[in-house]
Amino acid sequence: GAGGGGGGAATLPRSPEELRNWLSAYTEDGQVYYYHRHTRAVRWEKPDVDVARQMEARVAAAREEVQQRQERRVREIAEEEDRRRIEGEQRDSLQRRAEHRVKAWAA
């Protein structure tokens, strides 16, 4: 089971929606405990709805923050790739012009 115990299978609580991510499990000696499926927070007592609601709000905010950071990083990478492509094109253009001028001077 969770937390290294050899207990039984976890079950979903039959409780309000806020408690859907809290699972029950058992220690090796049969004592029930509860853990949050995403955060892995562990409690000996089933959290009340208010505590569960607060935790779900924190989890949702953290997920949103991660998603925003990922989207920002994807944009930064795309901008960096565009910048490098443009610099490469400019460098190639300068190289071609320089080669053309050298050929014109040599002729």
PDB file of N, CA and C in Angstrom:
ATOM      1  N   GLY A   1       0.809  -1.197   0.000  1.00  0.00           N
ATOM      2  CA  GLY A   1       0.000   0.000   0.000  1.00  0.00           C
ATOM      3  C   GLY A   1       0.839   1.241   0.000  1.00  0.00           C
ATOM      4  N   ALA A   2       0.236   2.396   0.159  1.00  0.00           N
ATOM      5  CA  ALA A   2       0.952   3.665   0.168  1.00  0.00           C
ATOM      6  C   ALA A   2       1.812   3.772   1.409  1.00  0.00           C
ATOM      7  N   GLY A   3       2.870   4.556   1.307  1.00  0.00           N
ATOM      8  CA  GLY A   3       3.722   4.789   2.447  1.00  0.00           C
ATOM      9  C   GLY A   3       4.539   3.588   2.847  1.00  0.00           C
ATOM     10  N   GLY A   4       4.709   2.634   1.951  1.00  0.00           N
ATOM     11  CA  GLY A   4       5.540   1.484   2.219  1.00  0.00           C
ATOM     12  C   GLY A   4       4.846   0.403   3.007  1.00  0.00           C
ATOM     13  N   GLY A   5       3.597   0.594   3.395  1.00  0.00           N
ATOM     14  CA  GLY A   5       2.890  -0.436   4.141  1.00  0.00           C
ATOM     15  C   GLY A   5       2.449  -1.553   3.232  1.00  0.00           C
ATOM     16  N   GLY A   6       2.169  -2.672   3.789  1.00  0.00           N
ATOM     17  CA  GLY A   6       1.718  -3.807   2.999  1.00  0.00           C
ATOM     18  C   GLY A   6       0.229  -3.980   3.089  1.00  0.00           C
ATOM     19  N   GLY A   7      -0.478  -2.886   3.331  1.00  0.00           N
ATOM     20  CA  GLY A   7      -1.903  -2.955   3.602  1.00  0.00           C
ATOM     21  C   GLY A   7      -2.742  -3.248   2.375  1.00  0.00           C
ATOM     22  N   GLY A   8      -4.027  -3.136   2.565  1.00  0.00           N
ATOM     23  CA  GLY A   8      -4.991  -3.470   1.528  1.00  0.00           C
ATOM     24  C   GLY A   8      -5.088  -2.409   0.462  1.00  0.00           C
ATOM     25  N   ALA A   9      -5.949  -2.666  -0.495  1.00  0.00           N
ATOM     26  CA  ALA A   9      -6.129  -1.762  -1.629  1.00  0.00           C
ATOM     27  C   ALA A   9      -6.828  -0.485  -1.188  1.00  0.00           C
ATOM     28  N   ALA A  10      -6.497   0.603  -1.850  1.00  0.00           N
ATOM     29  CA  ALA A  10      -7.118   1.889  -1.566  1.00  0.00           C
ATOM     30  C   ALA A  10      -8.520   1.910  -2.160  1.00  0.00           C
ATOM     31  N   THR A  11      -9.402   2.659  -1.522  1.00  0.00           N
ATOM     32  CA  THR A  11     -10.764   2.785  -2.032  1.00  0.00           C
ATOM     33  C   THR A  11     -11.125   4.255  -2.077  1.00  0.00           C
ATOM     34  N   LEU A  12     -11.978   4.610  -3.035  1.00  0.00           N
ATOM     35  CA  LEU A  12     -12.454   5.984  -3.118  1.00  0.00           C
ATOM     36  C   LEU A  12     -13.492   6.228  -2.030  1.00  0.00           C
ATOM     37  N   PRO A  13     -13.407   7.353  -1.339  1.00  0.00           N
ATOM     38  CA  PRO A  13     -14.401   7.634  -0.306  1.00  0.00           C
ATOM     39  C   PRO A  13     -15.753   7.958  -0.932  1.00  0.00           C
ATOM     40  N   ARG A  14     -16.805   7.583  -0.253  1.00  0.00           N
ATOM     41  CA  ARG A  14     -18.153   7.941  -0.698  1.00  0.00           C
ATOM     42  C   ARG A  14     -18.525   9.215   0.038  1.00  0.00           C
ATOM     43  N   SER A  15     -17.982  10.321  -0.422  1.00  0.00           N
ATOM     44  CA  SER A  15     -18.099  11.599   0.273  1.00  0.00           C
ATOM     45  C   SER A  15     -18.318  12.705  -0.742  1.00  0.00           C
ATOM     46  N   PRO A  16     -18.398  13.928  -0.244  1.00  0.00           N
ATOM     47  CA  PRO A  16     -18.551  15.069  -1.164  1.00  0.00           C
ATOM     48  C   PRO A  16     -17.429  15.121  -2.199  1.00  0.00           C
ATOM     49  N   GLU A  17     -17.702  15.832  -3.271  1.00  0.00           N
ATOM     50  CA  GLU A  17     -16.759  15.952  -4.395  1.00  0.00           C
ATOM     51  C   GLU A  17     -15.365  16.386  -3.949  1.00  0.00           C
ATOM     52  N   GLU A  18     -15.276  17.254  -2.947  1.00  0.00           N
ATOM     53  CA  GLU A  18     -13.974  17.744  -2.484  1.00  0.00           C
ATOM     54  C   GLU A  18     -13.078  16.630  -1.957  1.00  0.00           C
ATOM     55  N   LEU A  19     -13.674  15.516  -1.552  1.00  0.00           N
ATOM     56  CA  LEU A  19     -12.898  14.416  -0.971  1.00  0.00           C
ATOM     57  C   LEU A  19     -12.545  13.342  -1.995  1.00  0.00           C
ATOM     58  N   ARG A  20     -12.833  13.565  -3.263  1.00  0.00           N
ATOM     59  CA  ARG A  20     -12.630  12.532  -4.284  1.00  0.00           C
ATOM     60  C   ARG A  20     -11.174  12.100  -4.435  1.00  0.00           C
ATOM     61  N   ASN A  21     -10.226  12.969  -4.111  1.00  0.00           N
ATOM     62  CA  ASN A  21      -8.810  12.616  -4.261  1.00  0.00           C
ATOM     63  C   ASN A  21      -8.189  12.042  -2.988  1.00  0.00           C
ATOM     64  N   TRP A  22      -8.980  11.946  -1.921  1.00  0.00           N
ATOM     65  CA  TRP A  22      -8.485  11.348  -0.678  1.00  0.00           C
ATOM     66  C   TRP A  22      -8.829   9.872  -0.687  1.00  0.00           C
ATOM     67  N   LEU A  23      -7.825   9.045  -0.605  1.00  0.00           N
ATOM     68  CA  LEU A  23      -8.013   7.601  -0.630  1.00  0.00           C
ATOM     69  C   LEU A  23      -7.691   7.025   0.739  1.00  0.00           C
ATOM     70  N   SER A  24      -8.381   5.953   1.079  1.00  0.00           N
ATOM     71  CA  SER A  24      -8.066   5.292   2.348  1.00  0.00           C
ATOM     72  C   SER A  24      -7.180   4.095   2.065  1.00  0.00           C
ATOM     73  N   ALA A  25      -6.339   3.803   3.028  1.00  0.00           N
ATOM     74  CA  ALA A  25      -5.449   2.643   2.942  1.00  0.00           C
ATOM     75  C   ALA A  25      -5.243   2.150   4.362  1.00  0.00           C
ATOM     76  N   TYR A  26      -4.549   1.042   4.492  1.00  0.00           N
ATOM     77  CA  TYR A  26      -4.344   0.452   5.813  1.00  0.00           C
ATOM     78  C   TYR A  26      -2.876   0.172   6.054  1.00  0.00           C
ATOM     79  N   THR A  27      -2.444   0.416   7.286  1.00  0.00           N
ATOM     80  CA  THR A  27      -1.081   0.075   7.674  1.00  0.00           C
ATOM     81  C   THR A  27      -0.986  -1.446   7.798  1.00  0.00           C
ATOM     82  N   GLU A  28       0.216  -1.948   7.997  1.00  0.00           N
ATOM     83  CA  GLU A  28       0.406  -3.388   8.149  1.00  0.00           C
ATOM     84  C   GLU A  28      -0.372  -3.953   9.332  1.00  0.00           C
ATOM     85  N   ASP A  29      -0.567  -3.122  10.358  1.00  0.00           N
ATOM     86  CA  ASP A  29      -1.324  -3.613  11.518  1.00  0.00           C
ATOM     87  C   ASP A  29      -2.814  -3.304  11.435  1.00  0.00           C
ATOM     88  N   GLY A  30      -3.271  -2.850  10.262  1.00  0.00           N
ATOM     89  CA  GLY A  30      -4.700  -2.686  10.030  1.00  0.00           C
ATOM     90  C   GLY A  30      -5.279  -1.332  10.367  1.00  0.00           C
ATOM     91  N   GLN A  31      -4.452  -0.364  10.731  1.00  0.00           N
ATOM     92  CA  GLN A  31      -4.967   0.969  11.050  1.00  0.00           C
ATOM     93  C   GLN A  31      -5.226   1.731   9.749  1.00  0.00           C
ATOM     94  N   VAL A  32      -6.393   2.331   9.661  1.00  0.00           N
ATOM     95  CA  VAL A  32      -6.742   3.078   8.454  1.00  0.00           C
ATOM     96  C   VAL A  32      -6.058   4.440   8.471  1.00  0.00           C
ATOM     97  N   TYR A  33      -5.622   4.877   7.292  1.00  0.00           N
ATOM     98  CA  TYR A  33      -5.116   6.231   7.113  1.00  0.00           C
ATOM     99  C   TYR A  33      -5.589   6.721   5.757  1.00  0.00           C
ATOM    100  N   TYR A  34      -5.441   8.001   5.514  1.00  0.00           N
ATOM    101  CA  TYR A  34      -5.925   8.623   4.279  1.00  0.00           C
ATOM    102  C   TYR A  34      -4.774   9.350   3.605  1.00  0.00           C
ATOM    103  N   TYR A  35      -4.739   9.264   2.286  1.00  0.00           N
ATOM    104  CA  TYR A  35      -3.708   9.998   1.552  1.00  0.00           C
ATOM    105  C   TYR A  35      -4.320  10.623   0.312  1.00  0.00           C
ATOM    106  N   HIS A  36      -3.746  11.730  -0.082  1.00  0.00           N
ATOM    107  CA  HIS A  36      -4.211  12.464  -1.261  1.00  0.00           C
ATOM    108  C   HIS A  36      -3.502  11.900  -2.483  1.00  0.00           C
ATOM    109  N   ARG A  37      -4.269  11.498  -3.457  1.00  0.00           N
ATOM    110  CA  ARG A  37      -3.698  10.793  -4.616  1.00  0.00           C
ATOM    111  C   ARG A  37      -2.712  11.625  -5.427  1.00  0.00           C
ATOM    112  N   HIS A  38      -2.801  12.942  -5.400  1.00  0.00           N
ATOM    113  CA  HIS A  38      -1.886  13.775  -6.191  1.00  0.00           C
ATOM    114  C   HIS A  38      -0.740  14.338  -5.362  1.00  0.00           C
ATOM    115  N   THR A  39      -1.048  14.816  -4.172  1.00  0.00           N
ATOM    116  CA  THR A  39      -0.010  15.449  -3.360  1.00  0.00           C
ATOM    117  C   THR A  39       0.718  14.455  -2.472  1.00  0.00           C
ATOM    118  N   ARG A  40       0.113  13.298  -2.251  1.00  0.00           N
ATOM    119  CA  ARG A  40       0.643  12.252  -1.357  1.00  0.00           C
ATOM    120  C   ARG A  40       0.636  12.698   0.106  1.00  0.00           C
ATOM    121  N   ALA A  41      -0.140  13.736   0.410  1.00  0.00           N
ATOM    122  CA  ALA A  41      -0.311  14.134   1.805  1.00  0.00           C
ATOM    123  C   ALA A  41      -0.998  12.979   2.537  1.00  0.00           C
ATOM    124  N   VAL A  42      -0.598  12.758   3.782  1.00  0.00           N
ATOM    125  CA  VAL A  42      -1.126  11.639   4.566  1.00  0.00           C
ATOM    126  C   VAL A  42      -1.726  12.175   5.861  1.00  0.00           C
ATOM    127  N   ARG A  43      -2.866  11.598   6.231  1.00  0.00           N
ATOM    128  CA  ARG A  43      -3.549  11.969   7.477  1.00  0.00           C
ATOM    129  C   ARG A  43      -4.084  10.705   8.122  1.00  0.00           C
ATOM    130  N   TRP A  44      -4.128  10.716   9.431  1.00  0.00           N
ATOM    131  CA  TRP A  44      -4.715   9.585  10.145  1.00  0.00           C
ATOM    132  C   TRP A  44      -6.226   9.670  10.149  1.00  0.00           C
ATOM    133  N   GLU A  45      -6.748  10.893  10.064  1.00  0.00           N
ATOM    134  CA  GLU A  45      -8.195  11.076  10.043  1.00  0.00           C
ATOM    135  C   GLU A  45      -8.617  11.612   8.689  1.00  0.00           C
ATOM    136  N   LYS A  46      -9.798  11.222   8.266  1.00  0.00           N
ATOM    137  CA  LYS A  46     -10.317  11.712   7.000  1.00  0.00           C
ATOM    138  C   LYS A  46     -10.497  13.226   7.104  1.00  0.00           C
ATOM    139  N   PRO A  47      -9.960  13.977   6.140  1.00  0.00           N
ATOM    140  CA  PRO A  47     -10.090  15.438   6.233  1.00  0.00           C
ATOM    141  C   PRO A  47     -11.544  15.864   6.083  1.00  0.00           C
ATOM    142  N   ASP A  48     -11.881  16.975   6.722  1.00  0.00           N
ATOM    143  CA  ASP A  48     -13.240  17.475   6.531  1.00  0.00           C
ATOM    144  C   ASP A  48     -13.314  18.193   5.184  1.00  0.00           C
ATOM    145  N   VAL A  49     -14.495  18.496   4.774  1.00  0.00           N
ATOM    146  CA  VAL A  49     -14.723  19.077   3.449  1.00  0.00           C
ATOM    147  C   VAL A  49     -13.984  20.398   3.279  1.00  0.00           C
ATOM    148  N   ASP A  50     -13.945  21.236   4.320  1.00  0.00           N
ATOM    149  CA  ASP A  50     -13.262  22.530   4.210  1.00  0.00           C
ATOM    150  C   ASP A  50     -11.764  22.355   3.975  1.00  0.00           C
ATOM    151  N   VAL A  51     -11.145  21.446   4.717  1.00  0.00           N
ATOM    152  CA  VAL A  51      -9.720  21.177   4.529  1.00  0.00           C
ATOM    153  C   VAL A  51      -9.480  20.626   3.126  1.00  0.00           C
ATOM    154  N   ALA A  52     -10.320  19.696   2.709  1.00  0.00           N
ATOM    155  CA  ALA A  52     -10.182  19.115   1.372  1.00  0.00           C
ATOM    156  C   ALA A  52     -10.368  20.182   0.292  1.00  0.00           C
ATOM    157  N   ARG A  53     -11.324  21.071   0.492  1.00  0.00           N
ATOM    158  CA  ARG A  53     -11.584  22.150  -0.478  1.00  0.00           C
ATOM    159  C   ARG A  53     -10.360  23.064  -0.588  1.00  0.00           C
ATOM    160  N   GLN A  54      -9.760  23.398   0.548  1.00  0.00           N
ATOM    161  CA  GLN A  54      -8.559  24.247   0.540  1.00  0.00           C
ATOM    162  C   GLN A  54      -7.408  23.553  -0.189  1.00  0.00           C
ATOM    163  N   MET A  55      -7.234  22.265   0.070  1.00  0.00           N
ATOM    164  CA  MET A  55      -6.150  21.533  -0.585  1.00  0.00           C
ATOM    165  C   MET A  55      -6.390  21.454  -2.098  1.00  0.00           C
ATOM    166  N   GLU A  56      -7.627  21.181  -2.495  1.00  0.00           N
ATOM    167  CA  GLU A  56      -7.937  21.108  -3.928  1.00  0.00           C
ATOM    168  C   GLU A  56      -7.696  22.456  -4.601  1.00  0.00           C
ATOM    169  N   ALA A  57      -8.000  23.547  -3.907  1.00  0.00           N
ATOM    170  CA  ALA A  57      -7.747  24.878  -4.467  1.00  0.00           C
ATOM    171  C   ALA A  57      -6.246  25.102  -4.645  1.00  0.00           C
ATOM    172  N   ARG A  58      -5.441  24.670  -3.641  1.00  0.00           N
ATOM    173  CA  ARG A  58      -3.986  24.810  -3.763  1.00  0.00           C
ATOM    174  C   ARG A  58      -3.447  23.948  -4.891  1.00  0.00           C
ATOM    175  N   VAL A  59      -3.954  22.729  -5.023  1.00  0.00           N
ATOM    176  CA  VAL A  59      -3.516  21.832  -6.100  1.00  0.00           C
ATOM    177  C   VAL A  59      -3.861  22.440  -7.459  1.00  0.00           C
ATOM    178  N   ALA A  60      -5.075  22.955  -7.590  1.00  0.00           N
ATOM    179  CA  ALA A  60      -5.493  23.564  -8.855  1.00  0.00           C
ATOM    180  C   ALA A  60      -4.636  24.788  -9.183  1.00  0.00           C
ATOM    181  N   ALA A  61      -4.336  25.606  -8.183  1.00  0.00           N
ATOM    182  CA  ALA A  61      -3.505  26.788  -8.403  1.00  0.00           C
ATOM    183  C   ALA A  61      -2.094  26.378  -8.815  1.00  0.00           C
ATOM    184  N   ALA A  62      -1.566  25.347  -8.174  1.00  0.00           N
ATOM    185  CA  ALA A  62      -0.218  24.878  -8.528  1.00  0.00           C
ATOM    186  C   ALA A  62      -0.190  24.329  -9.942  1.00  0.00           C
ATOM    187  N   ARG A  63      -1.212  23.586 -10.316  1.00  0.00           N
ATOM    188  CA  ARG A  63      -1.281  23.061 -11.696  1.00  0.00           C
ATOM    189  C   ARG A  63      -1.353  24.188 -12.709  1.00  0.00           C
ATOM    190  N   GLU A  64      -2.159  25.197 -12.412  1.00  0.00           N
ATOM    191  CA  GLU A  64      -2.293  26.350 -13.300  1.00  0.00           C
ATOM    192  C   GLU A  64      -0.953  27.067 -13.440  1.00  0.00           C
ATOM    193  N   GLU A  65      -0.255  27.230 -12.323  1.00  0.00           N
ATOM    194  CA  GLU A  65       1.052  27.884 -12.356  1.00  0.00           C
ATOM    195  C   GLU A  65       2.044  27.091 -13.204  1.00  0.00           C
ATOM    196  N   VAL A  66       2.050  25.786 -13.041  1.00  0.00           N
ATOM    197  CA  VAL A  66       2.943  24.932 -13.831  1.00  0.00           C
ATOM    198  C   VAL A  66       2.596  25.048 -15.309  1.00  0.00           C
ATOM    199  N   GLN A  67       1.304  25.001 -15.621  1.00  0.00           N
ATOM    200  CA  GLN A  67       0.888  25.108 -17.020  1.00  0.00           C
ATOM    201  C   GLN A  67       1.309  26.450 -17.617  1.00  0.00           C
ATOM    202  N   GLN A  68       1.149  27.526 -16.862  1.00  0.00           N
ATOM    203  CA  GLN A  68       1.545  28.846 -17.355  1.00  0.00           C
ATOM    204  C   GLN A  68       3.053  28.916 -17.573  1.00  0.00           C
ATOM    205  N   ARG A  69       3.834  28.339 -16.644  1.00  0.00           N
ATOM    206  CA  ARG A  69       5.288  28.322 -16.823  1.00  0.00           C
ATOM    207  C   ARG A  69       5.682  27.517 -18.047  1.00  0.00           C
ATOM    208  N   GLN A  70       5.020  26.381 -18.257  1.00  0.00           N
ATOM    209  CA  GLN A  70       5.322  25.560 -19.428  1.00  0.00           C
ATOM    210  C   GLN A  70       4.993  26.307 -20.717  1.00  0.00           C
ATOM    211  N   GLU A  71       3.831  26.952 -20.753  1.00  0.00           N
ATOM    212  CA  GLU A  71       3.441  27.708 -21.946  1.00  0.00           C
ATOM    213  C   GLU A  71       4.410  28.854 -22.202  1.00  0.00           C
ATOM    214  N   ARG A  72       4.820  29.540 -21.120  1.00  0.00           N
ATOM    215  CA  ARG A  72       5.777  30.639 -21.260  1.00  0.00           C
ATOM    216  C   ARG A  72       7.110  30.114 -21.792  1.00  0.00           C
ATOM    217  N   ARG A  73       7.547  28.985 -21.272  1.00  0.00           N
ATOM    218  CA  ARG A  73       8.829  28.412 -21.721  1.00  0.00           C
ATOM    219  C   ARG A  73       8.749  27.973 -23.177  1.00  0.00           C
ATOM    220  N   VAL A  74       7.633  27.400 -23.592  1.00  0.00           N
ATOM    221  CA  VAL A  74       7.465  27.011 -24.999  1.00  0.00           C
ATOM    222  C   VAL A  74       7.549  28.248 -25.890  1.00  0.00           C
ATOM    223  N   ARG A  75       6.914  29.346 -25.465  1.00  0.00           N
ATOM    224  CA  ARG A  75       6.987  30.596 -26.240  1.00  0.00           C
ATOM    225  C   ARG A  75       8.422  31.108 -26.303  1.00  0.00           C
ATOM    226  N   GLU A  76       9.125  31.067 -25.158  1.00  0.00           N
ATOM    227  CA  GLU A  76      10.521  31.534 -25.133  1.00  0.00           C
ATOM    228  C   GLU A  76      11.390  30.701 -26.062  1.00  0.00           C
ATOM    229  N   ILE A  77      11.191  29.399 -26.071  1.00  0.00           N
ATOM    230  CA  ILE A  77      11.978  28.523 -26.950  1.00  0.00           C
ATOM    231  C   ILE A  77      11.678  28.835 -28.408  1.00  0.00           C
ATOM    232  N   ALA A  78      10.393  29.020 -28.736  1.00  0.00           N
ATOM    233  CA  ALA A  78      10.018  29.344 -30.117  1.00  0.00           C
ATOM    234  C   ALA A  78      10.614  30.689 -30.536  1.00  0.00           C
ATOM    235  N   GLU A  79      10.584  31.676 -29.636  1.00  0.00           N
ATOM    236  CA  GLU A  79      11.171  32.984 -29.946  1.00  0.00           C
ATOM    237  C   GLU A  79      12.675  32.866 -30.157  1.00  0.00           C
ATOM    238  N   GLU A  80      13.342  32.078 -29.324  1.00  0.00           N
ATOM    239  CA  GLU A  80      14.789  31.867 -29.464  1.00  0.00           C
ATOM    240  C   GLU A  80      15.106  31.172 -30.792  1.00  0.00           C
ATOM    241  N   GLU A  81      14.307  30.181 -31.158  1.00  0.00           N
ATOM    242  CA  GLU A  81      14.512  29.506 -32.442  1.00  0.00           C
ATOM    243  C   GLU A  81      14.324  30.471 -33.602  1.00  0.00           C
ATOM    244  N   ASP A  82      13.286  31.319 -33.525  1.00  0.00           N
ATOM    245  CA  ASP A  82      13.061  32.322 -34.564  1.00  0.00           C
ATOM    246  C   ASP A  82      14.242  33.291 -34.650  1.00  0.00           C
ATOM    247  N   ARG A  83      14.716  33.745 -33.477  1.00  0.00           N
ATOM    248  CA  ARG A  83      15.846  34.676 -33.459  1.00  0.00           C
ATOM    249  C   ARG A  83      17.073  34.040 -34.104  1.00  0.00           C
ATOM    250  N   ARG A  84      17.357  32.798 -33.761  1.00  0.00           N
ATOM    251  CA  ARG A  84      18.516  32.107 -34.341  1.00  0.00           C
ATOM    252  C   ARG A  84      18.343  31.888 -35.846  1.00  0.00           C
ATOM    253  N   ARG A  85      17.121  31.572 -36.273  1.00  0.00           N
ATOM    254  CA  ARG A  85      16.869  31.387 -37.705  1.00  0.00           C
ATOM    255  C   ARG A  85      17.102  32.695 -38.454  1.00  0.00           C
ATOM    256  N   ILE A  86      16.571  33.792 -37.911  1.00  0.00           N
ATOM    257  CA  ILE A  86      16.736  35.103 -38.563  1.00  0.00           C
ATOM    258  C   ILE A  86      18.206  35.496 -38.600  1.00  0.00           C
ATOM    259  N   GLU A  87      18.913  35.287 -37.484  1.00  0.00           N
ATOM    260  CA  GLU A  87      20.345  35.597 -37.468  1.00  0.00           C
ATOM    261  C   GLU A  87      21.098  34.768 -38.495  1.00  0.00           C
ATOM    262  N   GLY A  88      20.727  33.498 -38.621  1.00  0.00           N
ATOM    263  CA  GLY A  88      21.360  32.622 -39.612  1.00  0.00           C
ATOM    264  C   GLY A  88      21.087  33.101 -41.026  1.00  0.00           C
ATOM    265  N   GLU A  89      19.847  33.500 -41.285  1.00  0.00           N
ATOM    266  CA  GLU A  89      19.502  34.005 -42.613  1.00  0.00           C
ATOM    267  C   GLU A  89      20.265  35.287 -42.910  1.00  0.00           C
ATOM    268  N   GLN A  90      20.363  36.170 -41.922  1.00  0.00           N
ATOM    269  CA  GLN A  90      21.103  37.413 -42.117  1.00  0.00           C
ATOM    270  C   GLN A  90      22.579  37.130 -42.365  1.00  0.00           C
ATOM    271  N   ARG A  91      23.143  36.199 -41.600  1.00  0.00           N
ATOM    272  CA  ARG A  91      24.544  35.830 -41.770  1.00  0.00           C
ATOM    273  C   ARG A  91      24.772  35.243 -43.169  1.00  0.00           C
ATOM    274  N   ASP A  92      23.868  34.364 -43.608  1.00  0.00           N
ATOM    275  CA  ASP A  92      23.989  33.768 -44.944  1.00  0.00           C
ATOM    276  C   ASP A  92      23.883  34.832 -46.030  1.00  0.00           C
ATOM    277  N   SER A  93      22.965  35.787 -45.837  1.00  0.00           N
ATOM    278  CA  SER A  93      22.795  36.859 -46.808  1.00  0.00           C
ATOM    279  C   SER A  93      24.057  37.720 -46.888  1.00  0.00           C
ATOM    280  N   LEU A  94      24.616  38.071 -45.732  1.00  0.00           N
ATOM    281  CA  LEU A  94      25.858  38.852 -45.725  1.00  0.00           C
ATOM    282  C   LEU A  94      26.998  38.087 -46.387  1.00  0.00           C
ATOM    283  N   GLN A  95      27.053  36.790 -46.114  1.00  0.00           N
ATOM    284  CA  GLN A  95      28.103  35.958 -46.719  1.00  0.00           C
ATOM    285  C   GLN A  95      27.957  35.938 -48.243  1.00  0.00           C
ATOM    286  N   ARG A  96      26.739  35.789 -48.749  1.00  0.00           N
ATOM    287  CA  ARG A  96      26.519  35.771 -50.201  1.00  0.00           C
ATOM    288  C   ARG A  96      26.879  37.123 -50.829  1.00  0.00           C
ATOM    289  N   ARG A  97      26.491  38.222 -50.164  1.00  0.00           N
ATOM    290  CA  ARG A  97      26.830  39.546 -50.694  1.00  0.00           C
ATOM    291  C   ARG A  97      28.340  39.758 -50.713  1.00  0.00           C
ATOM    292  N   ALA A  98      28.992  39.325 -49.631  1.00  0.00           N
ATOM    293  CA  ALA A  98      30.450  39.474 -49.579  1.00  0.00           C
ATOM    294  C   ALA A  98      31.107  38.652 -50.686  1.00  0.00           C
ATOM    295  N   GLU A  99      30.658  37.414 -50.889  1.00  0.00           N
ATOM    296  CA  GLU A  99      31.225  36.579 -51.951  1.00  0.00           C
ATOM    297  C   GLU A  99      30.967  37.202 -53.315  1.00  0.00           C
ATOM    298  N   HIS A 100      29.776  37.771 -53.512  1.00  0.00           N
ATOM    299  CA  HIS A 100      29.453  38.418 -54.789  1.00  0.00           C
ATOM    300  C   HIS A 100      30.364  39.623 -55.042  1.00  0.00           C
ATOM    301  N   ARG A 101      30.597  40.430 -53.994  1.00  0.00           N
ATOM    302  CA  ARG A 101      31.479  41.602 -54.137  1.00  0.00           C
ATOM    303  C   ARG A 101      32.911  41.181 -54.424  1.00  0.00           C
ATOM    304  N   VAL A 102      33.356  40.139 -53.737  1.00  0.00           N
ATOM    305  CA  VAL A 102      34.739  39.676 -53.975  1.00  0.00           C
ATOM    306  C   VAL A 102      34.867  39.206 -55.425  1.00  0.00           C
ATOM    307  N   LYS A 103      33.881  38.473 -55.917  1.00  0.00           N
ATOM    308  CA  LYS A 103      33.940  38.012 -57.319  1.00  0.00           C
ATOM    309  C   LYS A 103      33.922  39.200 -58.283  1.00  0.00           C
ATOM    310  N   ALA A 104      33.101  40.231 -57.949  1.00  0.00           N
ATOM    311  CA  ALA A 104      33.009  41.411 -58.808  1.00  0.00           C
ATOM    312  C   ALA A 104      34.342  42.150 -58.802  1.00  0.00           C
ATOM    313  N   TRP A 105      34.990  42.277 -57.663  1.00  0.00           N
ATOM    314  CA  TRP A 105      36.270  42.973 -57.596  1.00  0.00           C
ATOM    315  C   TRP A 105      37.374  42.183 -58.311  1.00  0.00           C
ATOM    316  N   ALA A 106      37.287  40.870 -58.217  1.00  0.00           N
ATOM    317  CA  ALA A 106      38.318  40.021 -58.818  1.00  0.00           C
ATOM    318  C   ALA A 106      38.188  39.981 -60.341  1.00  0.00           C
ATOM    319  N   ALA A 107      37.034  40.296 -60.850  1.00  0.00           N
ATOM    320  CA  ALA A 107      36.817  40.204 -62.306  1.00  0.00           C
ATOM    321  C   ALA A 107      37.449  41.349 -63.074  1.00  0.00           C
TER     322      ALA A 107
END
